[in-house]
Each structure stands twice: as C-alpha cells, then as structure tokens.
Amino acid sequence: MMGKVVEEGTGTAAALEGISVGGKTGTAEVGHSCPNQVWFIAFAPAHDPKVAIAVTIECSAGTGGDVAAPIAKNVMQELLK
C-alpha cells in the first residue's frame, strides 16, 4: 500500500527513477498562526529497504505530498548513490 502512495497517490513527488519507494504523506492543521504541520515518511528500495526517512515541516501552507515528499526524494537520491 505504501508503494502505491508513491506510484500513484499523494506521494508521487518522492518517486525515484528505477527504485521502488514506499511512503506516506501527512498534513495536520495546527492553528491560525501556523497553518499546517506537513510530513512524509519513506523507505527505499521498497522490497529490500536500505534507507528510511522522515521529513516534517512546521508552519507550511502546503501539504505533505507537495512540500515534504520532494525533500525526501532529494535525500534518498543522495543516500542511495
């Protein structure tokens, strides 16, 4: 299921070319002075994980898929070189 989040769901911004990724996005409403706490957790390769990551961003107007997933992608790319 977490693979589908990255393949065709809310976490497509974390997809890596040629490497399967499992992940989950999250967006929590915090309050008036801070709109959202967004996050993305992931592991790769999905069927034999070598890396796992959690990215969380405070006070974001975006969503976990839009803001945190691209950051996770960049970090995983570096770790899996």
N, C-alpha and C. Protein backbone atom coordinates (compact mmCIF):
# COMPACT_ATOMS: atom_id res chain seq x y z
N MET A 1 0.81 -1.19 0.00
CA MET A 1 0.00 0.00 0.00
C MET A 1 0.86 1.27 0.00
N MET A 2 1.95 1.26 0.74
CA MET A 2 2.80 2.45 0.80
C MET A 2 3.51 2.68 -0.53
N GLY A 3 3.74 1.62 -1.28
CA GLY A 3 4.30 1.77 -2.62
C GLY A 3 3.34 2.49 -3.54
N LYS A 4 2.06 2.20 -3.40
CA LYS A 4 1.04 2.84 -4.24
C LYS A 4 0.93 4.34 -3.95
N VAL A 5 1.21 4.76 -2.71
CA VAL A 5 1.18 6.18 -2.37
C VAL A 5 2.18 6.94 -3.23
N VAL A 6 3.35 6.34 -3.45
CA VAL A 6 4.39 7.00 -4.25
C VAL A 6 4.17 6.77 -5.74
N GLU A 7 3.66 5.61 -6.11
CA GLU A 7 3.43 5.32 -7.53
C GLU A 7 2.29 6.15 -8.12
N GLU A 8 1.20 6.29 -7.37
CA GLU A 8 0.03 6.93 -7.97
C GLU A 8 -0.83 7.73 -7.00
N GLY A 9 -0.34 7.95 -5.80
CA GLY A 9 -1.14 8.65 -4.80
C GLY A 9 -0.60 10.02 -4.47
N THR A 10 -0.68 10.38 -3.20
CA THR A 10 -0.31 11.72 -2.76
C THR A 10 1.20 11.92 -2.64
N GLY A 11 1.99 10.85 -2.77
CA GLY A 11 3.44 10.96 -2.62
C GLY A 11 4.23 10.81 -3.89
N THR A 12 3.63 11.07 -5.03
CA THR A 12 4.34 10.88 -6.30
C THR A 12 5.57 11.77 -6.44
N ALA A 13 5.64 12.85 -5.70
CA ALA A 13 6.80 13.75 -5.77
C ALA A 13 8.05 13.11 -5.16
N ALA A 14 7.91 11.95 -4.52
CA ALA A 14 9.05 11.25 -3.92
C ALA A 14 9.53 10.09 -4.79
N ALA A 15 8.93 9.89 -5.94
CA ALA A 15 9.31 8.76 -6.79
C ALA A 15 10.75 8.89 -7.28
N LEU A 16 11.47 7.79 -7.25
CA LEU A 16 12.84 7.73 -7.75
C LEU A 16 12.89 6.91 -9.02
N GLU A 17 13.65 7.35 -9.99
CA GLU A 17 13.75 6.63 -11.25
C GLU A 17 14.47 5.30 -11.02
N GLY A 18 13.80 4.21 -11.35
CA GLY A 18 14.40 2.88 -11.27
C GLY A 18 14.46 2.27 -9.89
N ILE A 19 13.94 2.95 -8.87
CA ILE A 19 13.96 2.43 -7.50
C ILE A 19 12.55 2.55 -6.92
N SER A 20 12.02 1.44 -6.42
CA SER A 20 10.69 1.49 -5.81
C SER A 20 10.77 2.15 -4.43
N VAL A 21 9.78 2.98 -4.13
CA VAL A 21 9.75 3.71 -2.87
C VAL A 21 8.39 3.48 -2.21
N GLY A 22 8.41 3.24 -0.91
CA GLY A 22 7.18 3.19 -0.13
C GLY A 22 7.11 4.45 0.70
N GLY A 23 5.94 5.03 0.85
CA GLY A 23 5.85 6.27 1.63
C GLY A 23 4.45 6.59 2.07
N LYS A 24 4.36 7.60 2.93
CA LYS A 24 3.07 8.07 3.43
C LYS A 24 3.15 9.57 3.69
N THR A 25 2.19 10.30 3.17
CA THR A 25 2.13 11.75 3.39
C THR A 25 1.24 12.05 4.58
N GLY A 26 1.41 13.25 5.12
CA GLY A 26 0.54 13.69 6.19
C GLY A 26 0.47 15.20 6.24
N THR A 27 -0.71 15.71 6.59
CA THR A 27 -0.92 17.14 6.74
C THR A 27 -1.84 17.33 7.93
N ALA A 28 -1.34 18.03 8.95
CA ALA A 28 -2.15 18.28 10.14
C ALA A 28 -2.39 19.78 10.28
N GLU A 29 -3.64 20.15 10.47
CA GLU A 29 -3.98 21.55 10.71
C GLU A 29 -3.55 21.91 12.13
N VAL A 30 -2.79 23.00 12.25
CA VAL A 30 -2.23 23.37 13.56
C VAL A 30 -3.00 24.53 14.19
N GLY A 31 -3.22 25.59 13.47
CA GLY A 31 -3.93 26.73 14.03
C GLY A 31 -3.78 27.95 13.17
N HIS A 32 -4.23 29.07 13.69
CA HIS A 32 -4.27 30.32 12.92
C HIS A 32 -2.89 30.87 12.60
N SER A 33 -1.97 30.88 13.55
CA SER A 33 -0.65 31.47 13.30
C SER A 33 0.27 30.53 12.53
N CYS A 34 -0.09 29.27 12.47
CA CYS A 34 0.72 28.26 11.79
C CYS A 34 -0.25 27.32 11.08
N PRO A 35 -0.40 27.45 9.76
CA PRO A 35 -1.47 26.72 9.08
C PRO A 35 -1.38 25.19 9.18
N ASN A 36 -0.25 24.60 8.78
CA ASN A 36 -0.15 23.13 8.74
C ASN A 36 1.21 22.62 9.20
N GLN A 37 1.20 21.44 9.77
CA GLN A 37 2.42 20.66 10.02
C GLN A 37 2.36 19.56 8.96
N VAL A 38 3.31 19.53 8.04
CA VAL A 38 3.28 18.55 6.96
C VAL A 38 4.43 17.57 7.13
N TRP A 39 4.24 16.35 6.65
CA TRP A 39 5.28 15.35 6.77
C TRP A 39 5.19 14.31 5.66
N PHE A 40 6.30 13.59 5.53
CA PHE A 40 6.37 12.47 4.60
C PHE A 40 7.37 11.48 5.17
N ILE A 41 6.97 10.23 5.27
CA ILE A 41 7.88 9.16 5.67
C ILE A 41 8.05 8.23 4.49
N ALA A 42 9.26 7.68 4.35
CA ALA A 42 9.52 6.82 3.20
C ALA A 42 10.64 5.84 3.47
N PHE A 43 10.67 4.80 2.64
CA PHE A 43 11.76 3.83 2.66
C PHE A 43 12.01 3.36 1.25
N ALA A 44 13.27 2.96 0.97
CA ALA A 44 13.62 2.53 -0.39
C ALA A 44 14.87 1.66 -0.33
N PRO A 45 15.02 0.76 -1.27
CA PRO A 45 14.00 0.21 -2.17
C PRO A 45 12.86 -0.45 -1.38
N ALA A 46 11.69 -0.35 -1.88
CA ALA A 46 10.50 -0.79 -1.15
C ALA A 46 10.54 -2.25 -0.74
N HIS A 47 11.09 -3.13 -1.57
CA HIS A 47 11.06 -4.56 -1.27
C HIS A 47 12.29 -5.05 -0.51
N ASP A 48 13.30 -4.21 -0.38
CA ASP A 48 14.52 -4.55 0.36
C ASP A 48 15.13 -3.24 0.86
N PRO A 49 14.47 -2.59 1.84
CA PRO A 49 14.87 -1.24 2.26
C PRO A 49 16.33 -1.12 2.71
N LYS A 50 16.97 -0.08 2.21
CA LYS A 50 18.33 0.28 2.61
C LYS A 50 18.32 1.61 3.35
N VAL A 51 17.32 2.46 3.09
CA VAL A 51 17.19 3.75 3.75
C VAL A 51 15.74 3.98 4.18
N ALA A 52 15.61 4.74 5.25
CA ALA A 52 14.29 5.19 5.72
C ALA A 52 14.45 6.65 6.12
N ILE A 53 13.41 7.42 5.89
CA ILE A 53 13.49 8.86 6.14
C ILE A 53 12.14 9.38 6.63
N ALA A 54 12.21 10.40 7.47
CA ALA A 54 11.02 11.14 7.89
C ALA A 54 11.34 12.62 7.72
N VAL A 55 10.48 13.32 7.00
CA VAL A 55 10.63 14.76 6.79
C VAL A 55 9.39 15.43 7.38
N THR A 56 9.60 16.41 8.23
CA THR A 56 8.47 17.16 8.78
C THR A 56 8.78 18.65 8.69
N ILE A 57 7.79 19.40 8.29
CA ILE A 57 7.93 20.85 8.11
C ILE A 57 6.85 21.54 8.92
N GLU A 58 7.26 22.44 9.79
CA GLU A 58 6.30 23.20 10.59
C GLU A 58 5.84 24.44 9.84
N CYS A 59 4.64 24.85 10.10
CA CYS A 59 4.07 26.10 9.58
C CYS A 59 4.14 26.20 8.07
N SER A 60 3.60 25.23 7.39
CA SER A 60 3.59 25.23 5.93
C SER A 60 2.18 25.44 5.43
N ALA A 61 2.07 26.18 4.35
CA ALA A 61 0.76 26.37 3.72
C ALA A 61 0.44 25.21 2.78
N GLY A 62 1.42 24.33 2.53
CA GLY A 62 1.23 23.24 1.59
C GLY A 62 0.77 21.96 2.25
N THR A 63 1.02 20.85 1.56
CA THR A 63 0.67 19.52 2.05
C THR A 63 1.94 18.67 2.14
N GLY A 64 1.82 17.53 2.79
CA GLY A 64 2.97 16.62 2.88
C GLY A 64 3.47 16.17 1.53
N GLY A 65 2.56 15.92 0.61
CA GLY A 65 2.94 15.49 -0.73
C GLY A 65 3.61 16.59 -1.54
N ASP A 66 3.19 17.82 -1.34
CA ASP A 66 3.74 18.94 -2.11
C ASP A 66 5.05 19.49 -1.53
N VAL A 67 5.17 19.49 -0.21
CA VAL A 67 6.30 20.14 0.46
C VAL A 67 7.34 19.14 0.96
N ALA A 68 6.92 18.13 1.72
CA ALA A 68 7.86 17.21 2.36
C ALA A 68 8.34 16.09 1.44
N ALA A 69 7.49 15.58 0.56
CA ALA A 69 7.89 14.47 -0.31
C ALA A 69 9.05 14.81 -1.24
N PRO A 70 9.10 16.00 -1.86
CA PRO A 70 10.25 16.32 -2.70
C PRO A 70 11.57 16.39 -1.91
N ILE A 71 11.50 16.83 -0.66
CA ILE A 71 12.70 16.86 0.17
C ILE A 71 13.18 15.44 0.44
N ALA A 72 12.24 14.55 0.77
CA ALA A 72 12.58 13.15 1.00
C ALA A 72 13.22 12.54 -0.25
N LYS A 73 12.67 12.85 -1.41
CA LYS A 73 13.23 12.34 -2.67
C LYS A 73 14.69 12.75 -2.81
N ASN A 74 14.99 14.03 -2.60
CA ASN A 74 16.36 14.51 -2.75
C ASN A 74 17.32 13.82 -1.79
N VAL A 75 16.90 13.63 -0.56
CA VAL A 75 17.76 12.98 0.43
C VAL A 75 17.97 11.50 0.06
N MET A 76 16.89 10.81 -0.31
CA MET A 76 17.03 9.39 -0.69
C MET A 76 17.94 9.22 -1.90
N GLN A 77 17.83 10.12 -2.89
CA GLN A 77 18.70 10.04 -4.06
C GLN A 77 20.16 10.09 -3.64
N GLU A 78 20.49 10.98 -2.72
CA GLU A 78 21.87 11.10 -2.26
C GLU A 78 22.31 9.86 -1.48
N LEU A 79 21.44 9.38 -0.62
CA LEU A 79 21.78 8.22 0.21
C LEU A 79 21.96 6.94 -0.60
N LEU A 80 21.23 6.83 -1.70
CA LEU A 80 21.27 5.59 -2.50
C LEU A 80 22.26 5.63 -3.65
N LYS A 81 23.07 6.67 -3.72
CA LYS A 81 24.10 6.74 -4.80
C LYS A 81 25.11 5.64 -4.64
